[in-house]
Amino acid sequence: MNRREAVRNVAFLIGGTLSATTIGVFLDGCNPAPDKKSGDLFSADQNLIITELADVIIPTTKTPGAKAAGVGPWISMMIKECYPNDAQEAFVKGLEDLEDRSKKEFNNSFLKISPKEREQLVGKIRDETVAAQKADSEKAEKVKVDKNALKTPPIPYFFSMTRDLTLLGYFTSEIGATQAYEYIEIPGRYDGCVDMKPGQRVYA
């Protein structure tokens, strides 16, 4: 199984926690659109911000975090190669907004503020995203479902895409699969029902 197949499998296993935008990408086969623009989508600083942002979502604890697993460059690649143009634009705008808010609230770039300040800022953006998605869901319930409504694409949210790809990238990486999960290189016989000990990690 290659990395792409592993990512797709994990995407469907945790589908309930993924945004509609990301689920749509994997349902479409993660194939790049023919009208994708060539060249770099992100600046050098934005690529660094993506790496640090992923590390806020999955920091180093008893196991290495997202940065150690190389998740940042993978997120950049996935957004550029697999996500539609509207999602790309929303992601770039989200990075710009993150940097602007960092300078406004902490008088410095996101790359230079402290880990605690990063957590505070990302926490605010997460809460705002959850509130916005809840409002969108409530609004949709009030609208009568018709053929046109069913064709309306999901709204891409910057934080949701970042969270989705951080989880997918991390848990399909070597570090995520072998250190964050309970990993058995040669599992032997198949057992469909294994009792877990308190605090034990799930199996890869």
N, C-alpha and C. Protein backbone atom coordinates (compact mmCIF):
# COMPACT_ATOMS: atom_id res chain seq x y z
N MET A 1 0.85 -1.20 0.00
CA MET A 1 0.00 0.00 0.00
C MET A 1 0.89 1.24 0.00
N ASN A 2 0.62 2.19 -0.92
CA ASN A 2 1.42 3.41 -0.95
C ASN A 2 0.81 4.48 -0.06
N ARG A 3 1.51 5.63 0.03
CA ARG A 3 1.07 6.69 0.95
C ARG A 3 -0.31 7.21 0.58
N ARG A 4 -0.56 7.36 -0.73
CA ARG A 4 -1.86 7.90 -1.16
C ARG A 4 -3.00 6.98 -0.72
N GLU A 5 -2.81 5.67 -0.89
CA GLU A 5 -3.85 4.73 -0.48
C GLU A 5 -4.04 4.76 1.03
N ALA A 6 -2.93 4.88 1.76
CA ALA A 6 -3.02 4.94 3.22
C ALA A 6 -3.79 6.16 3.67
N VAL A 7 -3.50 7.31 3.05
CA VAL A 7 -4.20 8.55 3.40
C VAL A 7 -5.68 8.43 3.12
N ARG A 8 -6.01 7.86 1.96
CA ARG A 8 -7.43 7.71 1.62
C ARG A 8 -8.14 6.80 2.61
N ASN A 9 -7.50 5.71 3.00
CA ASN A 9 -8.10 4.80 3.97
C ASN A 9 -8.33 5.47 5.31
N VAL A 10 -7.32 6.22 5.78
CA VAL A 10 -7.47 6.93 7.05
C VAL A 10 -8.55 7.99 6.94
N ALA A 11 -8.64 8.65 5.80
CA ALA A 11 -9.65 9.69 5.59
C ALA A 11 -11.05 9.12 5.78
N PHE A 12 -11.29 7.92 5.27
CA PHE A 12 -12.62 7.34 5.40
C PHE A 12 -12.85 6.76 6.79
N LEU A 13 -11.79 6.31 7.46
CA LEU A 13 -11.93 5.80 8.82
C LEU A 13 -12.33 6.90 9.80
N ILE A 14 -11.78 8.12 9.60
CA ILE A 14 -12.09 9.22 10.51
C ILE A 14 -12.99 10.25 9.82
N GLY A 15 -13.74 9.79 8.84
CA GLY A 15 -14.57 10.68 8.04
C GLY A 15 -15.50 11.57 8.83
N GLY A 16 -15.97 11.08 9.98
CA GLY A 16 -16.89 11.87 10.79
C GLY A 16 -16.27 13.13 11.35
N THR A 17 -14.94 13.18 11.43
CA THR A 17 -14.27 14.35 11.98
C THR A 17 -13.71 15.26 10.89
N LEU A 18 -13.83 14.87 9.63
CA LEU A 18 -13.28 15.65 8.53
C LEU A 18 -14.32 16.62 7.98
N SER A 19 -13.83 17.72 7.42
CA SER A 19 -14.73 18.71 6.82
C SER A 19 -15.26 18.18 5.49
N ALA A 20 -16.39 18.75 5.05
CA ALA A 20 -16.98 18.34 3.78
C ALA A 20 -16.04 18.62 2.62
N THR A 21 -15.25 19.69 2.72
CA THR A 21 -14.30 20.02 1.66
C THR A 21 -13.27 18.91 1.48
N THR A 22 -12.69 18.44 2.58
CA THR A 22 -11.68 17.39 2.51
C THR A 22 -12.28 16.07 2.06
N ILE A 23 -13.45 15.73 2.58
CA ILE A 23 -14.10 14.49 2.17
C ILE A 23 -14.36 14.52 0.66
N GLY A 24 -14.78 15.68 0.14
CA GLY A 24 -15.03 15.81 -1.29
C GLY A 24 -13.78 15.57 -2.11
N VAL A 25 -12.64 16.03 -1.61
CA VAL A 25 -11.36 15.84 -2.32
C VAL A 25 -11.06 14.35 -2.46
N PHE A 26 -11.25 13.59 -1.37
CA PHE A 26 -10.93 12.17 -1.42
C PHE A 26 -11.98 11.37 -2.18
N LEU A 27 -13.22 11.81 -2.16
CA LEU A 27 -14.25 11.14 -2.96
C LEU A 27 -13.97 11.33 -4.44
N ASP A 28 -13.38 12.48 -4.80
CA ASP A 28 -13.02 12.75 -6.19
C ASP A 28 -11.73 12.07 -6.61
N GLY A 29 -11.12 11.34 -5.68
CA GLY A 29 -9.92 10.59 -6.01
C GLY A 29 -8.64 11.35 -5.83
N CYS A 30 -8.69 12.57 -5.27
CA CYS A 30 -7.49 13.36 -5.06
C CYS A 30 -6.73 13.54 -6.36
N ASN A 31 -7.46 13.77 -7.44
CA ASN A 31 -6.82 14.00 -8.72
C ASN A 31 -6.72 15.49 -8.99
N PRO A 32 -5.53 16.00 -9.40
CA PRO A 32 -5.38 17.42 -9.66
C PRO A 32 -6.26 17.88 -10.80
N ALA A 33 -6.89 19.04 -10.63
CA ALA A 33 -7.75 19.61 -11.68
C ALA A 33 -6.90 20.06 -12.85
N PRO A 34 -7.44 19.98 -14.08
CA PRO A 34 -6.65 20.35 -15.26
C PRO A 34 -6.29 21.82 -15.33
N ASP A 35 -7.00 22.68 -14.58
CA ASP A 35 -6.74 24.11 -14.66
C ASP A 35 -5.87 24.62 -13.52
N LYS A 36 -5.19 23.70 -12.79
CA LYS A 36 -4.34 24.12 -11.70
C LYS A 36 -3.20 24.99 -12.23
N LYS A 37 -2.92 26.07 -11.52
CA LYS A 37 -1.86 26.97 -11.92
C LYS A 37 -0.50 26.39 -11.56
N SER A 38 0.49 26.63 -12.42
CA SER A 38 1.84 26.15 -12.14
C SER A 38 2.54 27.14 -11.22
N GLY A 39 3.67 26.71 -10.63
CA GLY A 39 4.41 27.60 -9.74
C GLY A 39 4.02 27.39 -8.30
N ASP A 40 4.67 28.14 -7.42
CA ASP A 40 4.43 27.99 -5.99
C ASP A 40 3.15 28.69 -5.57
N LEU A 41 2.34 27.99 -4.79
CA LEU A 41 1.10 28.57 -4.27
C LEU A 41 1.40 29.39 -3.02
N PHE A 42 2.42 28.96 -2.26
CA PHE A 42 2.75 29.61 -0.99
C PHE A 42 4.14 30.24 -1.05
N SER A 43 4.29 31.31 -0.28
CA SER A 43 5.62 31.92 -0.13
C SER A 43 6.45 31.06 0.82
N ALA A 44 7.74 31.35 0.91
CA ALA A 44 8.62 30.59 1.81
C ALA A 44 8.15 30.73 3.26
N ASP A 45 7.77 31.95 3.66
CA ASP A 45 7.29 32.16 5.03
C ASP A 45 5.98 31.43 5.28
N GLN A 46 5.11 31.40 4.28
CA GLN A 46 3.83 30.70 4.46
C GLN A 46 4.04 29.20 4.63
N ASN A 47 5.00 28.63 3.91
CA ASN A 47 5.31 27.21 4.10
C ASN A 47 5.80 26.95 5.52
N LEU A 48 6.59 27.87 6.06
CA LEU A 48 7.06 27.73 7.44
C LEU A 48 5.90 27.86 8.43
N ILE A 49 4.99 28.78 8.14
CA ILE A 49 3.82 28.97 9.01
C ILE A 49 2.97 27.69 9.03
N ILE A 50 2.78 27.07 7.88
CA ILE A 50 2.00 25.83 7.81
C ILE A 50 2.62 24.77 8.70
N THR A 51 3.96 24.65 8.65
CA THR A 51 4.66 23.68 9.48
C THR A 51 4.46 23.95 10.96
N GLU A 52 4.59 25.22 11.36
CA GLU A 52 4.43 25.56 12.78
C GLU A 52 2.98 25.42 13.23
N LEU A 53 2.04 25.73 12.34
CA LEU A 53 0.62 25.60 12.67
C LEU A 53 0.25 24.14 12.89
N ALA A 54 0.75 23.26 12.04
CA ALA A 54 0.49 21.83 12.22
C ALA A 54 1.05 21.34 13.55
N ASP A 55 2.18 21.92 13.95
CA ASP A 55 2.81 21.51 15.21
C ASP A 55 2.05 22.03 16.42
N VAL A 56 1.26 23.08 16.25
CA VAL A 56 0.37 23.54 17.32
C VAL A 56 -0.78 22.53 17.48
N ILE A 57 -1.27 22.01 16.36
CA ILE A 57 -2.39 21.07 16.39
C ILE A 57 -1.95 19.73 16.96
N ILE A 58 -0.78 19.22 16.54
CA ILE A 58 -0.22 17.99 17.11
C ILE A 58 1.20 18.30 17.57
N PRO A 59 1.33 18.78 18.81
CA PRO A 59 2.66 19.12 19.33
C PRO A 59 3.42 17.88 19.82
N THR A 60 4.68 18.06 20.07
CA THR A 60 5.48 16.98 20.65
C THR A 60 5.08 16.79 22.11
N THR A 61 4.78 15.55 22.47
CA THR A 61 4.46 15.20 23.87
C THR A 61 5.34 14.01 24.23
N LYS A 62 4.75 12.89 24.53
CA LYS A 62 5.54 11.68 24.74
C LYS A 62 6.01 11.12 23.40
N THR A 63 5.36 11.56 22.34
CA THR A 63 5.74 11.15 20.99
C THR A 63 6.03 12.39 20.16
N PRO A 64 6.82 12.28 19.10
CA PRO A 64 7.13 13.43 18.25
C PRO A 64 5.86 14.04 17.65
N GLY A 65 5.90 15.35 17.40
CA GLY A 65 4.75 16.06 16.87
C GLY A 65 4.72 16.13 15.36
N ALA A 66 3.84 16.99 14.85
CA ALA A 66 3.63 17.09 13.40
C ALA A 66 4.87 17.57 12.66
N LYS A 67 5.63 18.49 13.27
CA LYS A 67 6.83 19.00 12.60
C LYS A 67 7.84 17.88 12.38
N ALA A 68 8.06 17.07 13.42
CA ALA A 68 9.01 15.96 13.32
C ALA A 68 8.58 14.95 12.27
N ALA A 69 7.27 14.82 12.07
CA ALA A 69 6.74 13.86 11.09
C ALA A 69 6.72 14.42 9.67
N GLY A 70 7.17 15.68 9.49
CA GLY A 70 7.20 16.26 8.16
C GLY A 70 5.84 16.59 7.60
N VAL A 71 4.89 16.91 8.48
CA VAL A 71 3.51 17.14 8.04
C VAL A 71 3.35 18.45 7.27
N GLY A 72 4.09 19.50 7.65
CA GLY A 72 3.93 20.81 7.01
C GLY A 72 4.11 20.78 5.50
N PRO A 73 5.25 20.30 4.99
CA PRO A 73 5.44 20.22 3.54
C PRO A 73 4.39 19.36 2.85
N TRP A 74 3.92 18.33 3.56
CA TRP A 74 2.89 17.45 2.99
C TRP A 74 1.57 18.21 2.83
N ILE A 75 1.23 19.04 3.82
CA ILE A 75 0.01 19.85 3.72
C ILE A 75 0.11 20.79 2.53
N SER A 76 1.24 21.46 2.38
CA SER A 76 1.44 22.38 1.26
C SER A 76 1.23 21.66 -0.07
N MET A 77 1.79 20.46 -0.18
CA MET A 77 1.66 19.69 -1.41
C MET A 77 0.21 19.30 -1.67
N MET A 78 -0.48 18.84 -0.62
CA MET A 78 -1.86 18.40 -0.78
C MET A 78 -2.77 19.54 -1.21
N ILE A 79 -2.62 20.72 -0.58
CA ILE A 79 -3.46 21.86 -0.95
C ILE A 79 -3.21 22.24 -2.39
N LYS A 80 -1.96 22.25 -2.79
CA LYS A 80 -1.61 22.66 -4.16
C LYS A 80 -2.04 21.64 -5.20
N GLU A 81 -1.87 20.34 -4.88
CA GLU A 81 -2.08 19.31 -5.89
C GLU A 81 -3.49 18.72 -5.91
N CYS A 82 -4.20 18.75 -4.78
CA CYS A 82 -5.46 18.02 -4.70
C CYS A 82 -6.71 18.87 -4.47
N TYR A 83 -6.55 20.03 -3.85
CA TYR A 83 -7.73 20.82 -3.49
C TYR A 83 -8.15 21.74 -4.63
N PRO A 84 -9.46 22.00 -4.78
CA PRO A 84 -9.94 22.88 -5.85
C PRO A 84 -9.52 24.33 -5.61
N ASN A 85 -9.65 25.13 -6.65
CA ASN A 85 -9.17 26.51 -6.60
C ASN A 85 -9.80 27.33 -5.48
N ASP A 86 -11.12 27.16 -5.25
CA ASP A 86 -11.76 27.95 -4.19
C ASP A 86 -11.20 27.61 -2.82
N ALA A 87 -10.87 26.32 -2.61
CA ALA A 87 -10.27 25.91 -1.34
C ALA A 87 -8.85 26.44 -1.21
N GLN A 88 -8.11 26.44 -2.32
CA GLN A 88 -6.75 26.99 -2.32
C GLN A 88 -6.78 28.47 -1.93
N GLU A 89 -7.71 29.19 -2.54
CA GLU A 89 -7.82 30.63 -2.26
C GLU A 89 -8.19 30.87 -0.79
N ALA A 90 -9.10 30.05 -0.27
CA ALA A 90 -9.50 30.18 1.14
C ALA A 90 -8.33 29.87 2.06
N PHE A 91 -7.51 28.90 1.68
CA PHE A 91 -6.38 28.52 2.51
C PHE A 91 -5.32 29.63 2.53
N VAL A 92 -5.01 30.18 1.37
CA VAL A 92 -4.04 31.28 1.30
C VAL A 92 -4.54 32.48 2.09
N LYS A 93 -5.82 32.79 1.94
CA LYS A 93 -6.41 33.90 2.68
C LYS A 93 -6.35 33.63 4.18
N GLY A 94 -6.55 32.39 4.57
CA GLY A 94 -6.48 32.03 5.99
C GLY A 94 -5.08 32.23 6.55
N LEU A 95 -4.06 31.88 5.76
CA LEU A 95 -2.68 32.10 6.19
C LEU A 95 -2.39 33.59 6.35
N GLU A 96 -2.89 34.38 5.41
CA GLU A 96 -2.68 35.84 5.48
C GLU A 96 -3.39 36.42 6.70
N ASP A 97 -4.60 35.93 6.96
CA ASP A 97 -5.36 36.40 8.12
C ASP A 97 -4.67 36.01 9.43
N LEU A 98 -4.13 34.80 9.46
CA LEU A 98 -3.41 34.33 10.65
C LEU A 98 -2.22 35.23 10.94
N GLU A 99 -1.48 35.57 9.91
CA GLU A 99 -0.30 36.43 10.08
C GLU A 99 -0.71 37.84 10.51
N ASP A 100 -1.77 38.37 9.89
CA ASP A 100 -2.25 39.71 10.25
C ASP A 100 -2.71 39.76 11.70
N ARG A 101 -3.42 38.73 12.14
CA ARG A 101 -3.91 38.70 13.52
C ARG A 101 -2.77 38.54 14.52
N SER A 102 -1.76 37.79 14.13
CA SER A 102 -0.61 37.62 15.01
C SER A 102 0.09 38.96 15.24
N LYS A 103 0.26 39.73 14.15
CA LYS A 103 0.91 41.03 14.26
C LYS A 103 0.05 42.02 15.05
N LYS A 104 -1.27 41.91 14.88
CA LYS A 104 -2.18 42.82 15.56
C LYS A 104 -2.27 42.51 17.06
N GLU A 105 -2.36 41.23 17.40
CA GLU A 105 -2.56 40.83 18.80
C GLU A 105 -1.26 40.71 19.60
N PHE A 106 -0.17 40.34 18.90
CA PHE A 106 1.08 40.10 19.63
C PHE A 106 2.26 40.91 19.08
N ASN A 107 1.97 41.79 18.12
CA ASN A 107 3.00 42.68 17.56
C ASN A 107 4.18 41.93 16.95
N ASN A 108 3.89 40.77 16.39
CA ASN A 108 4.97 40.02 15.77
C ASN A 108 4.40 38.97 14.82
N SER A 109 5.27 38.47 13.94
CA SER A 109 4.88 37.42 13.01
C SER A 109 4.54 36.14 13.76
N PHE A 110 3.68 35.31 13.17
CA PHE A 110 3.32 34.03 13.77
C PHE A 110 4.56 33.18 14.00
N LEU A 111 5.57 33.33 13.15
CA LEU A 111 6.79 32.54 13.27
C LEU A 111 7.64 32.97 14.46
N LYS A 112 7.38 34.17 15.00
CA LYS A 112 8.22 34.69 16.08
C LYS A 112 7.53 34.77 17.44
N ILE A 113 6.23 34.56 17.47
CA ILE A 113 5.55 34.61 18.77
C ILE A 113 5.80 33.31 19.53
N SER A 114 5.51 33.31 20.81
CA SER A 114 5.80 32.16 21.66
C SER A 114 4.81 31.02 21.40
N PRO A 115 5.18 29.80 21.79
CA PRO A 115 4.26 28.67 21.64
C PRO A 115 2.91 28.91 22.32
N LYS A 116 2.93 29.52 23.50
CA LYS A 116 1.68 29.80 24.21
C LYS A 116 0.82 30.78 23.44
N GLU A 117 1.44 31.81 22.85
CA GLU A 117 0.70 32.79 22.06
C GLU A 117 0.13 32.14 20.80
N ARG A 118 0.89 31.24 20.21
CA ARG A 118 0.38 30.51 19.04
C ARG A 118 -0.86 29.70 19.41
N GLU A 119 -0.79 29.03 20.54
CA GLU A 119 -1.93 28.22 20.99
C GLU A 119 -3.17 29.10 21.21
N GLN A 120 -2.97 30.26 21.80
CA GLN A 120 -4.09 31.18 22.04
C GLN A 120 -4.73 31.62 20.73
N LEU A 121 -3.89 32.01 19.78
CA LEU A 121 -4.40 32.50 18.49
C LEU A 121 -5.10 31.40 17.71
N VAL A 122 -4.47 30.24 17.64
CA VAL A 122 -5.07 29.12 16.91
C VAL A 122 -6.37 28.67 17.60
N GLY A 123 -6.40 28.74 18.92
CA GLY A 123 -7.61 28.38 19.65
C GLY A 123 -8.78 29.30 19.30
N LYS A 124 -8.49 30.59 19.16
CA LYS A 124 -9.53 31.55 18.77
C LYS A 124 -10.06 31.24 17.37
N ILE A 125 -9.15 30.98 16.45
CA ILE A 125 -9.55 30.67 15.07
C ILE A 125 -10.36 29.38 15.02
N ARG A 126 -9.95 28.40 15.83
CA ARG A 126 -10.70 27.14 15.90
C ARG A 126 -12.12 27.38 16.39
N ASP A 127 -12.27 28.15 17.46
CA ASP A 127 -13.60 28.42 18.02
C ASP A 127 -14.47 29.20 17.03
N GLU A 128 -13.87 30.15 16.33
CA GLU A 128 -14.61 30.92 15.32
C GLU A 128 -15.06 30.03 14.18
N THR A 129 -14.21 29.09 13.79
CA THR A 129 -14.56 28.17 12.70
C THR A 129 -15.72 27.27 13.11
N VAL A 130 -15.66 26.74 14.32
CA VAL A 130 -16.74 25.88 14.82
C VAL A 130 -18.06 26.64 14.84
N ALA A 131 -18.01 27.89 15.31
CA ALA A 131 -19.23 28.72 15.38
C ALA A 131 -19.78 29.00 13.99
N ALA A 132 -18.88 29.30 13.04
CA ALA A 132 -19.31 29.60 11.66
C ALA A 132 -19.92 28.37 11.00
N GLN A 133 -19.31 27.21 11.21
CA GLN A 133 -19.84 25.99 10.63
C GLN A 133 -21.19 25.62 11.24
N LYS A 134 -21.36 25.88 12.52
CA LYS A 134 -22.64 25.62 13.17
C LYS A 134 -23.72 26.54 12.60
N ALA A 135 -23.36 27.81 12.39
CA ALA A 135 -24.32 28.76 11.82
C ALA A 135 -24.70 28.36 10.40
N ASP A 136 -23.72 27.90 9.62
CA ASP A 136 -23.99 27.44 8.26
C ASP A 136 -24.93 26.25 8.26
N SER A 137 -24.70 25.33 9.22
CA SER A 137 -25.53 24.14 9.31
C SER A 137 -26.97 24.49 9.68
N GLU A 138 -27.14 25.41 10.62
CA GLU A 138 -28.47 25.82 11.04
C GLU A 138 -29.19 26.56 9.91
N LYS A 139 -28.43 27.34 9.17
CA LYS A 139 -29.02 28.07 8.05
C LYS A 139 -29.48 27.09 6.96
N ALA A 140 -28.67 26.07 6.71
CA ALA A 140 -29.01 25.08 5.69
C ALA A 140 -30.26 24.31 6.06
N GLU A 141 -30.47 24.05 7.35
CA GLU A 141 -31.64 23.31 7.79
C GLU A 141 -32.93 24.10 7.57
N LYS A 142 -32.80 25.42 7.56
CA LYS A 142 -33.98 26.27 7.36
C LYS A 142 -34.35 26.41 5.90
N VAL A 143 -33.39 26.10 5.03
CA VAL A 143 -33.63 26.22 3.59
C VAL A 143 -34.20 24.91 3.06
N LYS A 144 -35.24 25.00 2.26
CA LYS A 144 -35.82 23.80 1.68
C LYS A 144 -34.81 23.17 0.73
N VAL A 145 -34.66 21.86 0.82
CA VAL A 145 -33.71 21.16 -0.04
C VAL A 145 -34.31 21.00 -1.42
N ASP A 146 -33.59 21.45 -2.43
CA ASP A 146 -34.01 21.26 -3.81
C ASP A 146 -32.79 20.80 -4.62
N LYS A 147 -32.96 20.60 -5.91
CA LYS A 147 -31.88 20.09 -6.75
C LYS A 147 -30.69 21.05 -6.76
N ASN A 148 -30.97 22.35 -6.79
CA ASN A 148 -29.89 23.32 -6.82
C ASN A 148 -29.13 23.35 -5.50
N ALA A 149 -29.85 23.20 -4.39
CA ALA A 149 -29.20 23.23 -3.08
C ALA A 149 -28.26 22.05 -2.92
N LEU A 150 -28.67 20.89 -3.48
CA LEU A 150 -27.84 19.70 -3.37
C LEU A 150 -26.53 19.85 -4.12
N LYS A 151 -26.48 20.73 -5.12
CA LYS A 151 -25.28 20.92 -5.93
C LYS A 151 -24.37 22.00 -5.36
N THR A 152 -24.80 22.67 -4.31
CA THR A 152 -23.99 23.74 -3.73
C THR A 152 -22.77 23.15 -3.04
N PRO A 153 -21.56 23.56 -3.45
CA PRO A 153 -20.36 23.01 -2.84
C PRO A 153 -20.18 23.48 -1.40
N PRO A 154 -19.53 22.70 -0.57
CA PRO A 154 -19.31 23.11 0.83
C PRO A 154 -18.39 24.32 0.90
N ILE A 155 -18.57 25.14 1.94
CA ILE A 155 -17.70 26.30 2.13
C ILE A 155 -16.36 25.82 2.71
N PRO A 156 -15.25 26.16 2.04
CA PRO A 156 -13.95 25.73 2.57
C PRO A 156 -13.49 26.63 3.71
N TYR A 157 -13.16 26.03 4.84
CA TYR A 157 -12.66 26.78 5.99
C TYR A 157 -11.18 26.47 6.21
N PHE A 158 -10.39 27.51 6.38
CA PHE A 158 -8.95 27.39 6.53
C PHE A 158 -8.57 26.45 7.67
N PHE A 159 -9.12 26.69 8.86
CA PHE A 159 -8.73 25.87 10.00
C PHE A 159 -9.14 24.42 9.81
N SER A 160 -10.32 24.20 9.26
CA SER A 160 -10.79 22.82 9.06
C SER A 160 -9.87 22.05 8.12
N MET A 161 -9.47 22.70 7.03
CA MET A 161 -8.57 22.04 6.09
C MET A 161 -7.22 21.75 6.74
N THR A 162 -6.72 22.71 7.52
CA THR A 162 -5.43 22.52 8.20
C THR A 162 -5.51 21.37 9.19
N ARG A 163 -6.58 21.34 9.99
CA ARG A 163 -6.77 20.26 10.97
C ARG A 163 -6.88 18.92 10.26
N ASP A 164 -7.69 18.85 9.21
CA ASP A 164 -7.87 17.60 8.48
C ASP A 164 -6.54 17.05 7.98
N LEU A 165 -5.78 17.91 7.31
CA LEU A 165 -4.54 17.46 6.69
C LEU A 165 -3.46 17.17 7.73
N THR A 166 -3.50 17.88 8.85
CA THR A 166 -2.55 17.58 9.92
C THR A 166 -2.80 16.17 10.46
N LEU A 167 -4.05 15.84 10.72
CA LEU A 167 -4.39 14.50 11.21
C LEU A 167 -4.03 13.43 10.19
N LEU A 168 -4.43 13.64 8.94
CA LEU A 168 -4.16 12.65 7.90
C LEU A 168 -2.67 12.48 7.65
N GLY A 169 -1.96 13.61 7.56
CA GLY A 169 -0.52 13.54 7.31
C GLY A 169 0.23 12.89 8.44
N TYR A 170 -0.17 13.20 9.66
CA TYR A 170 0.55 12.66 10.82
C TYR A 170 0.32 11.16 10.99
N PHE A 171 -0.93 10.74 10.95
CA PHE A 171 -1.22 9.34 11.25
C PHE A 171 -0.94 8.39 10.08
N THR A 172 -0.55 8.93 8.92
CA THR A 172 -0.09 8.08 7.82
C THR A 172 1.41 8.22 7.62
N SER A 173 2.07 8.98 8.49
CA SER A 173 3.53 9.08 8.45
C SER A 173 4.15 7.93 9.24
N GLU A 174 5.44 7.71 9.05
CA GLU A 174 6.11 6.64 9.80
C GLU A 174 6.06 6.90 11.30
N ILE A 175 6.29 8.15 11.69
CA ILE A 175 6.26 8.49 13.12
C ILE A 175 4.86 8.29 13.69
N GLY A 176 3.85 8.78 12.99
CA GLY A 176 2.49 8.64 13.48
C GLY A 176 2.04 7.20 13.60
N ALA A 177 2.40 6.38 12.59
CA ALA A 177 1.95 5.00 12.57
C ALA A 177 2.70 4.12 13.56
N THR A 178 3.98 4.43 13.81
CA THR A 178 4.78 3.55 14.65
C THR A 178 4.99 4.03 16.08
N GLN A 179 4.80 5.36 16.31
CA GLN A 179 5.04 5.88 17.66
C GLN A 179 3.77 6.42 18.33
N ALA A 180 2.88 7.02 17.56
CA ALA A 180 1.62 7.51 18.13
C ALA A 180 0.61 6.37 18.25
N TYR A 181 0.67 5.42 17.29
CA TYR A 181 -0.17 4.23 17.35
C TYR A 181 0.61 3.08 17.98
N GLU A 182 -0.11 2.06 18.42
CA GLU A 182 0.52 0.82 18.86
C GLU A 182 0.87 0.04 17.60
N TYR A 183 2.14 -0.14 17.37
CA TYR A 183 2.59 -0.70 16.09
C TYR A 183 3.20 -2.08 16.28
N ILE A 184 2.73 -3.04 15.50
CA ILE A 184 3.30 -4.38 15.49
C ILE A 184 3.78 -4.65 14.07
N GLU A 185 5.09 -4.73 13.91
CA GLU A 185 5.64 -4.88 12.55
C GLU A 185 5.22 -6.18 11.90
N ILE A 186 5.23 -7.27 12.68
CA ILE A 186 4.78 -8.56 12.17
C ILE A 186 3.64 -9.02 13.07
N PRO A 187 2.40 -8.67 12.70
CA PRO A 187 1.27 -8.90 13.61
C PRO A 187 0.88 -10.35 13.83
N GLY A 188 1.25 -11.25 12.91
CA GLY A 188 0.86 -12.65 13.08
C GLY A 188 -0.60 -12.88 12.74
N ARG A 189 -1.29 -13.64 13.57
CA ARG A 189 -2.68 -13.99 13.25
C ARG A 189 -3.60 -12.77 13.40
N TYR A 190 -4.72 -12.84 12.70
CA TYR A 190 -5.71 -11.76 12.77
C TYR A 190 -6.66 -12.03 13.93
N ASP A 191 -6.87 -11.03 14.76
CA ASP A 191 -7.83 -11.11 15.86
C ASP A 191 -8.76 -9.92 15.73
N GLY A 192 -10.02 -10.17 15.43
CA GLY A 192 -10.98 -9.10 15.18
C GLY A 192 -11.47 -8.38 16.41
N CYS A 193 -11.18 -8.91 17.60
CA CYS A 193 -11.64 -8.27 18.83
C CYS A 193 -10.56 -8.41 19.89
N VAL A 194 -9.84 -7.30 20.12
CA VAL A 194 -8.73 -7.32 21.09
C VAL A 194 -9.06 -6.34 22.21
N ASP A 195 -9.02 -6.81 23.45
CA ASP A 195 -9.25 -5.93 24.60
C ASP A 195 -8.10 -4.95 24.74
N MET A 196 -8.44 -3.70 25.01
CA MET A 196 -7.43 -2.66 25.19
C MET A 196 -7.20 -2.42 26.68
N LYS A 197 -5.92 -2.23 27.07
CA LYS A 197 -5.59 -1.90 28.43
C LYS A 197 -5.80 -0.41 28.66
N PRO A 198 -6.11 0.03 29.87
CA PRO A 198 -6.29 1.47 30.15
C PRO A 198 -5.05 2.26 29.72
N GLY A 199 -5.27 3.31 28.90
CA GLY A 199 -4.17 4.15 28.46
C GLY A 199 -3.41 3.62 27.26
N GLN A 200 -3.78 2.42 26.79
CA GLN A 200 -3.06 1.85 25.64
C GLN A 200 -3.40 2.59 24.36
N ARG A 201 -2.41 2.76 23.50
CA ARG A 201 -2.62 3.42 22.21
C ARG A 201 -3.37 2.48 21.25
N VAL A 202 -4.13 3.07 20.32
CA VAL A 202 -4.81 2.26 19.32
C VAL A 202 -3.79 1.67 18.37
N TYR A 203 -4.15 0.57 17.71
CA TYR A 203 -3.23 -0.09 16.80
C TYR A 203 -3.17 0.60 15.45
N ALA A 204 -2.00 0.60 14.86
CA ALA A 204 -1.82 1.19 13.53
C ALA A 204 -2.46 0.29 12.49
